[in-house]
Amino acid sequence: MKTILSFVAFLILMSCGNNNDTELSDSSLKDTIVIDSTKSKIDEEKEFKLHLLIANIPSPSHEIVAINKAGYTYKPSLLIDKSKAGTFTSDFKKGINYGMFSADLAYVASFANNKDIIPYYLATRKAAESANALKVFDDITKTANFESLQGNSDSMEAVLERAYLETEHFFETDHHMDIATRILLGAWIEGQYLLLNTIHIQKSSKAEELKNKVWESKLQLMNLNELLTEYSSDPDMTSVANSLKEYYKNYDGASGSKSFNDELLKKMMEELTSIRTKLLS
């Protein structure tokens, strides 16, 4: 998500074998090959499933850009404190943090003549570096003049979409789908946070447009929850997955955007804000 960015990145092991001079018996060598082959097949199947699921979760920029398009006012108070960029130590929170800053950068950049664009660009770049995603971030920001795109929501959305797809492709190619998943998770949560808080804070005659985005997010969340089932052995991912499963219950009985009254939207906003707060702590 990026160049404006490589901001979303959305959407980032290398493995190499060393020759062993120690002689191995035929049976032990055979066993080693069988184990490695099986693990490789499992990894390939997992990456294929992750790729399909990620492909069915559109760039969070669609929701974020919609905020400006619907005529809502920019609210810097919703953004993550810039000083948090790149400060986390675990791989899980590094990826999450980058994804969240990517969403914030998309939000900042969608409003014309925004003085926060450069500060949040730099903060997002720092978060990208921490998450080992700096290469793809810089590659995209170098090919687009984000200052000229500022305020042009259609062009901005196109760049963000490209950034999202290229980030996912970069990590898929390098067999780092786990990093891509963390980034996607952070970006999706932050995008929904911005969307729900905007509806709650500002009253607008165009609220129905954003409520429709909330309704469309049901399918995204369903795919995201399915994606997270692949990480049942990861306690950090499992914790977020359990929270999002509970959050998904807010869609029970909903049949369209008109199902989201003020009371339900407030409940969803509070639950998502709680999830976000834990990820930033």
Foldseek 3Di string as FASTA:
>chain_A
DALVYLQCLVFAAPDDDDDDPDDDDPVVVVVVVVVVVVVVVVLVVLLVLLVVLLVQQATLLVLLLVCVVLPFDDDPVLADDLVLQLPDDDLLLLLLSLLLLSLVLSNQQQAAPRPCNVSSNVSSLSSCVSNVNNVLRVVLNVVDDSNVCRNVSVVSSVSNRVSNVVRCVVRSVNSNSVSRLSSNVNNNLNSVLVLLVRCLPDPDPSNLSSLQVVVVCLSSLVSNLVSLVVVPVPVVSVVLSVLSVVLSCLCVPPDGSVVDDNVSSVVSNVSSVVSVVVSSD
